[in-house]
C-alpha atoms as a PDB file:
ATOM      1  CA  MET A   1      37.325  93.492 147.455  1.00  0.00           C
ATOM      2  CA  ALA A   2      34.301  93.306 146.286  1.00  0.00           C
ATOM      3  CA  ASN A   3      32.722  90.765 144.230  1.00  0.00           C
ATOM      4  CA  GLY A   4      33.091  91.077 140.677  1.00  0.00           C
ATOM      5  CA  LEU A   5      36.451  93.111 140.486  1.00  0.00           C
ATOM      6  CA  GLN A   6      38.976  91.666 137.899  1.00  0.00           C
ATOM      7  CA  ILE A   7      42.055  90.814 138.629  1.00  0.00           C
ATOM      8  CA  ARG A   8      44.680  90.287 135.774  1.00  0.00           C
ATOM      9  CA  PHE A   9      48.205  89.349 136.517  1.00  0.00           C
ATOM     10  CA  HIS A  10      50.714  88.402 133.849  1.00  0.00           C
ATOM     11  CA  MET A  11      54.321  86.619 133.958  1.00  0.00           C
ATOM     12  CA  THR A  12      55.737  87.679 130.509  1.00  0.00           C
ATOM     13  CA  ALA A  13      55.280  90.570 128.562  1.00  0.00           C
ATOM     14  CA  GLY A  14      53.764  89.019 125.873  1.00  0.00           C
ATOM     15  CA  THR A  15      50.642  88.871 127.877  1.00  0.00           C
ATOM     16  CA  ALA A  16      49.730  92.586 129.115  1.00  0.00           C
ATOM     17  CA  CYS A  17      46.674  92.742 126.686  1.00  0.00           C
ATOM     18  CA  ALA A  18      43.205  92.110 127.667  1.00  0.00           C
ATOM     19  CA  ALA A  19      42.521  90.722 124.158  1.00  0.00           C
ATOM     20  CA  LEU A  20      45.140  87.961 124.792  1.00  0.00           C
ATOM     21  CA  THR A  21      43.572  87.528 128.525  1.00  0.00           C
ATOM     22  CA  ALA A  22      40.041  86.963 126.878  1.00  0.00           C
ATOM     23  CA  ALA A  23      41.151  84.538 124.272  1.00  0.00           C
ATOM     24  CA  LEU A  24      42.966  82.356 126.953  1.00  0.00           C
ATOM     25  CA  PHE A  25      39.616  82.061 129.217  1.00  0.00           C
ATOM     26  CA  VAL A  26      37.357  81.146 126.017  1.00  0.00           C
ATOM     27  CA  SER A  27      40.592  78.596 124.819  1.00  0.00           C
ATOM     28  CA  GLN A  28      40.233  77.422 128.238  1.00  0.00           C
ATOM     29  CA  ILE A  29      36.404  77.277 128.900  1.00  0.00           C
ATOM     30  CA  SER A  30      36.039  74.908 125.406  1.00  0.00           C
ATOM     31  CA  ALA A  31      39.029  72.559 126.454  1.00  0.00           C
ATOM     32  CA  GLN A  32      37.379  71.349 129.421  1.00  0.00           C
ATOM     33  CA  THR A  33      35.238  68.115 128.557  1.00  0.00           C
ATOM     34  CA  LEU A  34      33.866  67.690 131.952  1.00  0.00           C
ATOM     35  CA  ALA A  35      31.676  69.665 134.154  1.00  0.00           C
ATOM     36  CA  PHE A  36      29.639  69.183 137.168  1.00  0.00           C
ATOM     37  CA  ASP A  37      25.372  69.497 136.379  1.00  0.00           C
ATOM     38  CA  VAL A  38      24.873  71.516 138.613  1.00  0.00           C
ATOM     39  CA  ALA A  39      27.192  73.095 141.131  1.00  0.00           C
ATOM     40  CA  SER A  40      27.179  76.016 144.305  1.00  0.00           C
ATOM     41  CA  VAL A  41      30.070  78.164 145.249  1.00  0.00           C
ATOM     42  CA  ARG A  42      29.366  80.236 148.099  1.00  0.00           C
ATOM     43  CA  PRO A  43      32.044  82.644 150.528  1.00  0.00           C
ATOM     44  CA  SER A  44      32.643  80.367 153.576  1.00  0.00           C
ATOM     45  CA  LYS A  45      30.594  81.898 157.198  1.00  0.00           C
ATOM     46  CA  SER A  46      32.194  78.805 159.425  1.00  0.00           C
ATOM     47  CA  ASP A  47      34.298  78.635 161.552  1.00  0.00           C
ATOM     48  CA  ALA A  48      34.944  74.928 161.614  1.00  0.00           C
ATOM     49  CA  PRO A  49      37.977  73.299 160.714  1.00  0.00           C
ATOM     50  CA  PRO A  50      38.071  72.932 156.593  1.00  0.00           C
ATOM     51  CA  SER A  51      36.307  69.508 155.484  1.00  0.00           C
ATOM     52  CA  SER A  52      35.683  67.412 152.070  1.00  0.00           C
ATOM     53  CA  ASN A  53      33.504  64.525 151.568  1.00  0.00           C
ATOM     54  CA  PHE A  54      37.221  62.730 150.300  1.00  0.00           C
ATOM     55  CA  PRO A  55      41.286  64.186 150.341  1.00  0.00           C
ATOM     56  CA  LEU A  56      41.947  66.879 147.999  1.00  0.00           C
ATOM     57  CA  GLY A  57      45.337  65.940 147.764  1.00  0.00           C
ATOM     58  CA  PRO A  58      47.772  65.076 144.598  1.00  0.00           C
ATOM     59  CA  GLY A  59      47.234  61.080 145.084  1.00  0.00           C
ATOM     60  CA  ASP A  60      44.471  58.409 144.521  1.00  0.00           C
ATOM     61  CA  VAL A  61      43.476  58.380 148.070  1.00  0.00           C
ATOM     62  CA  TYR A  62      39.315  58.519 147.056  1.00  0.00           C
ATOM     63  CA  THR A  63      35.870  57.765 148.914  1.00  0.00           C
ATOM     64  CA  PRO A  64      33.194  56.831 146.019  1.00  0.00           C
ATOM     65  CA  ASN A  65      30.575  59.628 146.235  1.00  0.00           C
ATOM     66  CA  GLY A  66      28.002  58.702 143.757  1.00  0.00           C
ATOM     67  CA  GLY A  67      29.205  62.115 141.537  1.00  0.00           C
ATOM     68  CA  TYR A  68      28.728  63.584 144.632  1.00  0.00           C
ATOM     69  CA  PHE A  69      31.359  66.874 145.706  1.00  0.00           C
ATOM     70  CA  THR A  70      31.318  68.913 148.806  1.00  0.00           C
ATOM     71  CA  ALA A  71      34.073  70.890 150.601  1.00  0.00           C
ATOM     72  CA  ALA A  72      33.428  73.475 153.164  1.00  0.00           C
ATOM     73  CA  ASN A  73      35.635  76.185 154.555  1.00  0.00           C
ATOM     74  CA  TRP A  74      39.021  75.934 151.791  1.00  0.00           C
ATOM     75  CA  PRO A  75      40.800  79.309 150.328  1.00  0.00           C
ATOM     76  CA  LEU A  76      40.140  78.959 146.462  1.00  0.00           C
ATOM     77  CA  PHE A  77      43.483  78.002 146.187  1.00  0.00           C
ATOM     78  CA  VAL A  78      43.090  74.629 147.536  1.00  0.00           C
ATOM     79  CA  TYR A  79      40.562  74.416 145.313  1.00  0.00           C
ATOM     80  CA  ILE A  80      43.198  75.195 142.643  1.00  0.00           C
ATOM     81  CA  THR A  81      46.177  72.945 143.763  1.00  0.00           C
ATOM     82  CA  PHE A  82      42.895  69.799 143.626  1.00  0.00           C
ATOM     83  CA  ALA A  83      41.774  70.652 140.167  1.00  0.00           C
ATOM     84  CA  TRP A  84      45.647  70.424 138.529  1.00  0.00           C
ATOM     85  CA  LYS A  85      47.379  67.950 141.002  1.00  0.00           C
ATOM     86  CA  ILE A  86      49.738  70.403 142.298  1.00  0.00           C
ATOM     87  CA  GLN A  87      52.004  70.047 145.251  1.00  0.00           C
ATOM     88  CA  GLY A  88      55.826  71.222 146.125  1.00  0.00           C
ATOM     89  CA  ASN A  89      57.401  74.151 144.656  1.00  0.00           C
ATOM     90  CA  GLN A  90      54.828  73.727 141.813  1.00  0.00           C
ATOM     91  CA  ALA A  91      52.077  75.433 144.501  1.00  0.00           C
ATOM     92  CA  GLU A  92      54.622  77.582 146.112  1.00  0.00           C
ATOM     93  CA  ALA A  93      54.992  79.124 142.750  1.00  0.00           C
ATOM     94  CA  LEU A  94      51.687  79.155 141.716  1.00  0.00           C
ATOM     95  CA  ARG A  95      50.659  81.164 145.067  1.00  0.00           C
ATOM     96  CA  ASN A  96      53.137  83.650 144.611  1.00  0.00           C
ATOM     97  CA  GLN A  97      51.649  85.188 141.148  1.00  0.00           C
ATOM     98  CA  LEU A  98      48.041  84.972 142.513  1.00  0.00           C
ATOM     99  CA  PRO A  99      46.206  87.739 144.673  1.00  0.00           C
ATOM    100  CA  LYS A 100      46.514  87.161 148.881  1.00  0.00           C
ATOM    101  CA  TRP A 101      42.545  86.509 148.484  1.00  0.00           C
ATOM    102  CA  VAL A 102      43.136  83.062 146.585  1.00  0.00           C
ATOM    103  CA  ALA A 103      44.641  81.819 149.507  1.00  0.00           C
ATOM    104  CA  GLU A 104      43.024  83.056 152.451  1.00  0.00           C
ATOM    105  CA  ASP A 105      39.235  83.929 150.991  1.00  0.00           C
ATOM    106  CA  ARG A 106      36.755  80.631 151.915  1.00  0.00           C
ATOM    107  CA  PHE A 107      34.576  78.755 149.700  1.00  0.00           C
ATOM    108  CA  ASP A 108      32.240  76.168 150.367  1.00  0.00           C
ATOM    109  CA  ILE A 109      31.594  74.187 146.989  1.00  0.00           C
ATOM    110  CA  GLN A 110      28.698  71.864 146.250  1.00  0.00           C
ATOM    111  CA  ALA A 111      28.312  70.131 143.491  1.00  0.00           C
ATOM    112  CA  ARG A 112      26.965  66.647 141.692  1.00  0.00           C
ATOM    113  CA  ALA A 113      27.648  64.611 138.361  1.00  0.00           C
ATOM    114  CA  GLU A 114      26.428  61.995 136.920  1.00  0.00           C
ATOM    115  CA  GLY A 115      27.747  58.605 136.900  1.00  0.00           C
ATOM    116  CA  THR A 116      30.631  57.513 139.038  1.00  0.00           C
ATOM    117  CA  PRO A 117      33.550  59.808 138.369  1.00  0.00           C
ATOM    118  CA  THR A 118      36.767  59.014 139.350  1.00  0.00           C
ATOM    119  CA  LYS A 119      38.855  61.649 141.724  1.00  0.00           C
ATOM    120  CA  ASP A 120      41.093  62.581 138.396  1.00  0.00           C
ATOM    121  CA  GLN A 121      37.805  63.225 136.450  1.00  0.00           C
ATOM    122  CA  MET A 122      36.564  65.326 139.316  1.00  0.00           C
ATOM    123  CA  ARG A 123      39.451  67.241 139.455  1.00  0.00           C
ATOM    124  CA  LEU A 124      38.962  68.159 135.601  1.00  0.00           C
ATOM    125  CA  MET A 125      35.000  68.852 136.647  1.00  0.00           C
ATOM    126  CA  MET A 126      36.457  71.100 139.341  1.00  0.00           C
ATOM    127  CA  ARG A 127      38.521  73.331 136.783  1.00  0.00           C
ATOM    128  CA  SER A 128      35.776  73.906 134.340  1.00  0.00           C
ATOM    129  CA  LEU A 129      33.720  75.202 137.524  1.00  0.00           C
ATOM    130  CA  LEU A 130      36.434  77.092 138.916  1.00  0.00           C
ATOM    131  CA  ALA A 131      37.196  78.557 135.315  1.00  0.00           C
ATOM    132  CA  ASP A 132      33.408  79.439 134.989  1.00  0.00           C
ATOM    133  CA  ARG A 133      32.864  81.092 139.055  1.00  0.00           C
ATOM    134  CA  PHE A 134      35.906  82.205 139.369  1.00  0.00           C
ATOM    135  CA  LYS A 135      37.157  83.262 135.471  1.00  0.00           C
ATOM    136  CA  LEU A 136      39.785  81.159 136.404  1.00  0.00           C
ATOM    137  CA  VAL A 137      42.569  80.811 133.473  1.00  0.00           C
ATOM    138  CA  ILE A 138      45.941  78.904 133.765  1.00  0.00           C
ATOM    139  CA  HIS A 139      48.397  77.479 131.178  1.00  0.00           C
ATOM    140  CA  SER A 140      51.366  75.568 131.383  1.00  0.00           C
ATOM    141  CA  GLU A 141      54.881  76.350 130.291  1.00  0.00           C
ATOM    142  CA  THR A 142      58.007  74.419 130.080  1.00  0.00           C
ATOM    143  CA  ARG A 143      61.423  76.025 131.231  1.00  0.00           C
ATOM    144  CA  GLU A 144      64.940  75.157 132.366  1.00  0.00           C
ATOM    145  CA  VAL A 145      65.634  75.482 136.215  1.00  0.00           C
ATOM    146  CA  PRO A 146      67.728  74.253 139.139  1.00  0.00           C
ATOM    147  CA  VAL A 147      66.272  71.261 140.139  1.00  0.00           C
ATOM    148  CA  PHE A 148      67.250  68.005 142.449  1.00  0.00           C
ATOM    149  CA  GLY A 149      67.702  64.924 140.860  1.00  0.00           C
ATOM    150  CA  LEU A 150      66.554  61.869 142.432  1.00  0.00           C
ATOM    151  CA  VAL A 151      69.219  59.082 142.162  1.00  0.00           C
ATOM    152  CA  LEU A 152      69.483  55.601 144.195  1.00  0.00           C
ATOM    153  CA  ALA A 153      72.252  56.156 146.509  1.00  0.00           C
ATOM    154  CA  LYS A 154      73.998  53.074 145.306  1.00  0.00           C
ATOM    155  CA  ALA A 155      73.390  51.644 141.983  1.00  0.00           C
ATOM    156  CA  GLY A 156      70.580  49.120 141.664  1.00  0.00           C
ATOM    157  CA  ARG A 157      70.168  48.934 145.452  1.00  0.00           C
ATOM    158  CA  PRO A 158      67.258  51.212 146.453  1.00  0.00           C
ATOM    159  CA  GLY A 159      67.288  50.953 150.882  1.00  0.00           C
ATOM    160  CA  PRO A 160      65.333  48.856 153.044  1.00  0.00           C
ATOM    161  CA  GLN A 161      62.521  50.700 153.803  1.00  0.00           C
ATOM    162  CA  LEU A 162      61.764  51.211 149.719  1.00  0.00           C
ATOM    163  CA  ARG A 163      60.106  48.420 147.865  1.00  0.00           C
ATOM    164  CA  GLN A 164      58.654  47.191 144.766  1.00  0.00           C
ATOM    165  CA  HIS A 165      54.558  47.257 145.310  1.00  0.00           C
ATOM    166  CA  THR A 166      53.466  43.402 145.289  1.00  0.00           C
ATOM    167  CA  GLU A 167      49.850  42.872 144.799  1.00  0.00           C
ATOM    168  CA  ASP A 168      49.714  40.054 147.043  1.00  0.00           C
ATOM    169  CA  VAL A 169      48.619  42.216 150.156  1.00  0.00           C
ATOM    170  CA  PRO A 170      45.233  43.833 149.909  1.00  0.00           C
ATOM    171  CA  CYS A 171      45.752  47.660 149.021  1.00  0.00           C
ATOM    172  CA  SER A 172      42.739  49.916 149.267  1.00  0.00           C
ATOM    173  CA  THR A 173      42.380  53.841 147.828  1.00  0.00           C
ATOM    174  CA  GLU A 174      39.220  54.079 149.831  1.00  0.00           C
ATOM    175  CA  PRO A 175      39.665  55.128 153.216  1.00  0.00           C
ATOM    176  CA  PRO A 176      37.474  53.342 155.765  1.00  0.00           C
ATOM    177  CA  LYS A 177      34.244  54.949 157.276  1.00  0.00           C
ATOM    178  CA  PRO A 178      35.125  57.078 160.635  1.00  0.00           C
ATOM    179  CA  GLY A 179      34.811  54.525 163.616  1.00  0.00           C
ATOM    180  CA  SER A 180      35.774  51.194 161.581  1.00  0.00           C
ATOM    181  CA  PRO A 181      37.358  48.924 163.694  1.00  0.00           C
ATOM    182  CA  SER A 182      39.864  48.831 160.462  1.00  0.00           C
ATOM    183  CA  GLN A 183      40.789  52.339 160.733  1.00  0.00           C
ATOM    184  CA  ARG A 184      44.272  51.571 161.180  1.00  0.00           C
ATOM    185  CA  LEU A 185      47.106  53.716 159.637  1.00  0.00           C
ATOM    186  CA  ASP A 186      49.875  51.302 158.702  1.00  0.00           C
ATOM    187  CA  ILE A 187      50.277  47.750 158.329  1.00  0.00           C
ATOM    188  CA  GLU A 188      53.364  45.357 159.231  1.00  0.00           C
ATOM    189  CA  GLY A 189      56.411  46.798 158.360  1.00  0.00           C
ATOM    190  CA  GLY A 190      55.304  50.258 159.246  1.00  0.00           C
ATOM    191  CA  PHE A 191      53.681  50.774 155.572  1.00  0.00           C
ATOM    192  CA  PRO A 192      50.350  53.000 155.042  1.00  0.00           C
ATOM    193  CA  ALA A 193      47.642  51.155 155.171  1.00  0.00           C
ATOM    194  CA  LEU A 194      46.068  52.773 152.472  1.00  0.00           C
ATOM    195  CA  CYS A 195      47.384  52.835 148.778  1.00  0.00           C
ATOM    196  CA  GLY A 196      47.590  56.080 146.363  1.00  0.00           C
ATOM    197  CA  GLY A 197      48.534  58.741 148.655  1.00  0.00           C
ATOM    198  CA  ILE A 198      51.864  60.131 150.794  1.00  0.00           C
ATOM    199  CA  LEU A 199      50.389  59.964 154.265  1.00  0.00           C
ATOM    200  CA  GLY A 200      51.436  60.676 157.726  1.00  0.00           C
ATOM    201  CA  LEU A 201      51.921  57.888 160.210  1.00  0.00           C
ATOM    202  CA  PRO A 202      53.144  57.622 163.510  1.00  0.00           C
ATOM    203  CA  PRO A 203      56.082  58.241 163.795  1.00  0.00           C
ATOM    204  CA  LYS A 204      58.448  55.124 166.449  1.00  0.00           C
ATOM    205  CA  GLU A 205      60.335  57.944 168.081  1.00  0.00           C
ATOM    206  CA  SER A 206      59.046  61.304 169.650  1.00  0.00           C
ATOM    207  CA  GLY A 207      59.997  64.345 167.886  1.00  0.00           C
ATOM    208  CA  HIS A 208      59.708  62.477 164.581  1.00  0.00           C
ATOM    209  CA  ILE A 209      57.896  62.448 161.271  1.00  0.00           C
ATOM    210  CA  ARG A 210      56.857  59.713 159.761  1.00  0.00           C
ATOM    211  CA  LEU A 211      55.602  59.469 156.118  1.00  0.00           C
ATOM    212  CA  GLY A 212      54.822  56.684 153.516  1.00  0.00           C
ATOM    213  CA  ALA A 213      52.759  55.507 150.717  1.00  0.00           C
ATOM    214  CA  ARG A 214      51.923  52.296 148.783  1.00  0.00           C
ATOM    215  CA  ASN A 215      51.280  51.900 145.275  1.00  0.00           C
ATOM    216  CA  VAL A 216      52.994  54.627 143.966  1.00  0.00           C
ATOM    217  CA  LYS A 217      55.356  55.736 140.974  1.00  0.00           C
ATOM    218  CA  MET A 218      58.569  57.266 142.281  1.00  0.00           C
ATOM    219  CA  SER A 219      57.727  60.212 140.280  1.00  0.00           C
ATOM    220  CA  LEU A 220      54.838  61.271 142.908  1.00  0.00           C
ATOM    221  CA  ILE A 221      57.859  59.945 145.536  1.00  0.00           C
ATOM    222  CA  ALA A 222      60.286  62.196 144.223  1.00  0.00           C
ATOM    223  CA  GLU A 223      57.708  65.403 143.677  1.00  0.00           C
ATOM    224  CA  GLY A 224      56.565  64.512 147.646  1.00  0.00           C
ATOM    225  CA  LEU A 225      59.805  64.687 148.871  1.00  0.00           C
ATOM    226  CA  GLY A 226      60.858  68.105 148.131  1.00  0.00           C
ATOM    227  CA  VAL A 227      57.970  69.393 150.039  1.00  0.00           C
ATOM    228  CA  MET A 228      58.867  66.331 152.916  1.00  0.00           C
ATOM    229  CA  GLY A 229      62.539  68.062 153.046  1.00  0.00           C
ATOM    230  CA  ARG A 230      62.052  71.616 152.691  1.00  0.00           C
ATOM    231  CA  LEU A 231      64.367  71.093 149.334  1.00  0.00           C
ATOM    232  CA  GLY A 232      63.319  74.421 147.819  1.00  0.00           C
ATOM    233  CA  ARG A 233      63.816  73.885 144.059  1.00  0.00           C
ATOM    234  CA  PRO A 234      61.728  70.701 142.165  1.00  0.00           C
ATOM    235  CA  VAL A 235      62.745  66.892 142.602  1.00  0.00           C
ATOM    236  CA  LEU A 236      62.805  64.645 139.433  1.00  0.00           C
ATOM    237  CA  ASP A 237      62.831  61.521 139.589  1.00  0.00           C
ATOM    238  CA  ARG A 238      66.347  60.141 138.271  1.00  0.00           C
ATOM    239  CA  THR A 239      66.605  56.576 139.575  1.00  0.00           C
ATOM    240  CA  GLY A 240      65.548  54.748 136.335  1.00  0.00           C
ATOM    241  CA  LEU A 241      63.462  52.616 138.724  1.00  0.00           C
ATOM    242  CA  THR A 242      59.534  51.444 137.154  1.00  0.00           C
ATOM    243  CA  GLY A 243      56.333  50.449 138.250  1.00  0.00           C
ATOM    244  CA  ALA A 244      54.337  50.858 141.328  1.00  0.00           C
ATOM    245  CA  PHE A 245      56.572  51.066 145.254  1.00  0.00           C
ATOM    246  CA  ASP A 246      55.958  51.394 148.635  1.00  0.00           C
ATOM    247  CA  PHE A 247      58.146  53.746 150.779  1.00  0.00           C
ATOM    248  CA  VAL A 248      58.237  54.797 154.761  1.00  0.00           C
ATOM    249  CA  VAL A 249      60.471  57.101 156.271  1.00  0.00           C
ATOM    250  CA  GLU A 250      61.067  58.761 159.761  1.00  0.00           C
ATOM    251  CA  PHE A 251      63.158  61.703 160.253  1.00  0.00           C
ATOM    252  CA  THR A 252      63.588  64.861 162.576  1.00  0.00           C
ATOM    253  CA  PRO A 253      62.145  68.126 161.217  1.00  0.00           C
ATOM    254  CA  GLU A 254      64.203  70.662 160.874  1.00  0.00           C
ATOM    255  CA  PHE A 255      61.262  73.816 162.059  1.00  0.00           C
ATOM    256  CA  PRO A 256      63.136  77.457 163.287  1.00  0.00           C
ATOM    257  CA  ASN A 257      64.272  77.090 166.654  1.00  0.00           C
ATOM    258  CA  ALA A 258      63.818  73.454 166.821  1.00  0.00           C
ATOM    259  CA  THR A 259      66.091  72.085 170.195  1.00  0.00           C
ATOM    260  CA  LEU A 260      68.339  70.416 167.521  1.00  0.00           C
ATOM    261  CA  GLN A 261      69.226  73.564 165.781  1.00  0.00           C
ATOM    262  CA  VAL A 262      70.050  75.383 169.443  1.00  0.00           C
ATOM    263  CA  ASN A 263      71.899  73.197 170.770  1.00  0.00           C
ATOM    264  CA  ASP A 264      74.095  72.431 168.031  1.00  0.00           C
ATOM    265  CA  PRO A 265      74.654  75.040 165.465  1.00  0.00           C
ATOM    266  CA  GLU A 266      76.759  72.996 162.703  1.00  0.00           C
ATOM    267  CA  SER A 267      73.164  70.760 162.407  1.00  0.00           C
ATOM    268  CA  ALA A 268      70.899  73.888 161.249  1.00  0.00           C
ATOM    269  CA  THR A 269      71.590  73.401 157.895  1.00  0.00           C
ATOM    270  CA  PRO A 270      68.203  72.794 156.702  1.00  0.00           C
ATOM    271  CA  SER A 271      67.156  69.581 155.479  1.00  0.00           C
ATOM    272  CA  LEU A 272      70.259  67.629 156.707  1.00  0.00           C
ATOM    273  CA  PRO A 273      68.563  65.131 159.225  1.00  0.00           C
ATOM    274  CA  PHE A 274      65.773  64.360 156.042  1.00  0.00           C
ATOM    275  CA  LEU A 275      68.635  63.713 153.770  1.00  0.00           C
ATOM    276  CA  ASP A 276      70.162  61.233 155.947  1.00  0.00           C
ATOM    277  CA  ALA A 277      66.916  59.821 156.427  1.00  0.00           C
ATOM    278  CA  LEU A 278      66.667  59.464 152.977  1.00  0.00           C
ATOM    279  CA  LYS A 279      69.886  57.911 152.403  1.00  0.00           C
ATOM    280  CA  GLU A 280      69.947  55.344 154.954  1.00  0.00           C
ATOM    281  CA  GLN A 281      66.583  54.302 154.561  1.00  0.00           C
ATOM    282  CA  LEU A 282      65.125  54.149 150.965  1.00  0.00           C
ATOM    283  CA  GLY A 283      68.813  54.182 149.467  1.00  0.00           C
ATOM    284  CA  LEU A 284      68.421  57.260 147.969  1.00  0.00           C
ATOM    285  CA  LYS A 285      69.933  60.774 147.229  1.00  0.00           C
ATOM    286  CA  VAL A 286      69.483  64.257 145.629  1.00  0.00           C
ATOM    287  CA  GLU A 287      71.618  65.856 143.118  1.00  0.00           C
ATOM    288  CA  SER A 288      71.894  69.195 142.093  1.00  0.00           C
ATOM    289  CA  GLN A 289      71.198  69.824 138.342  1.00  0.00           C
ATOM    290  CA  LYS A 290      69.243  71.320 135.787  1.00  0.00           C
ATOM    291  CA  GLY A 291      65.898  69.922 134.440  1.00  0.00           C
ATOM    292  CA  SER A 292      62.648  70.989 132.281  1.00  0.00           C
ATOM    293  CA  VAL A 293      59.217  71.060 134.546  1.00  0.00           C
ATOM    294  CA  ASP A 294      55.921  72.263 133.703  1.00  0.00           C
ATOM    295  CA  VAL A 295      55.441  75.515 135.345  1.00  0.00           C
ATOM    296  CA  LEU A 296      51.792  76.725 135.860  1.00  0.00           C
ATOM    297  CA  VAL A 297      51.627  80.505 135.010  1.00  0.00           C
ATOM    298  CA  ALA A 298      48.194  82.189 136.292  1.00  0.00           C
ATOM    299  CA  ASP A 299      46.783  84.592 133.590  1.00  0.00           C
ATOM    300  CA  HIS A 300      43.458  85.444 134.970  1.00  0.00           C
ATOM    301  CA  VAL A 301      41.184  85.413 138.323  1.00  0.00           C
ATOM    302  CA  GLU A 302      38.162  87.115 139.762  1.00  0.00           C
ATOM    303  CA  HIS A 303      36.033  86.697 142.801  1.00  0.00           C
ATOM    304  CA  PRO A 304      32.943  84.162 141.905  1.00  0.00           C
ATOM    305  CA  SER A 305      29.518  84.512 140.329  1.00  0.00           C
ATOM    306  CA  GLU A 306      26.581  84.288 142.130  1.00  0.00           C
ATOM    307  CA  ASN A 307      25.134  80.975 141.952  1.00  0.00           C
END
């Protein structure tokens, strides 16, 4: 698709109007109060693995960078998920609205801002940049949809590997520098060494997946569980637990054609081992419910303007 060729796509009948698309674009630009001072956006020509100077995930793990953002060889969709802190089913729903090139064409972005912005401030700056260079327009709608409610399996009793976070153990959101002797992934008890995001950890058993987090809200844990267990719908925190928490969970992944599924067809129900681990290790379970969720709706995107 040539640069400058315009794409329009609409989720509701009321958006089938170019004037409305333009109005949404203008309103989104004016709504952004933070922006990079200078920025470069270029199609990537590298075969190297994607990279960035700090993690682009939804958590708080962040490397202070003096206002400098650099990322290479990522598709536009990754920059979108970073800017709006998207994960799980919300990401899949948004991806299905976008043209294929948004998830396939790769871009290098370098940008700089004054001061020492936080990760969330960097997200807002990225929204401004994507609106400017890609003419990206996204709005949010609240919809009533089928969800899973995350609840305690036993009233008032979290499992052994879900605990209230305490401040008496060192807990940084800044990854150690490569080659640092402190570059350990976990601490005593198997919890992550870093705080602020759901991280992969060395499993105790071969063929298992082990994930955990420290100092995160139950809402982030609930959202992450939908991704971990491939539950197929949004997961909302209905535990009633408040404050910040640490957790670690290990389970057998249920990928297509996995040996466990071949040898024992009755075990082929997606996510069953994960749900067992959820109950035994975290003291949590999911219940089918209806719930109000924020849905991101994509209204407009173009190939990037020249620098």
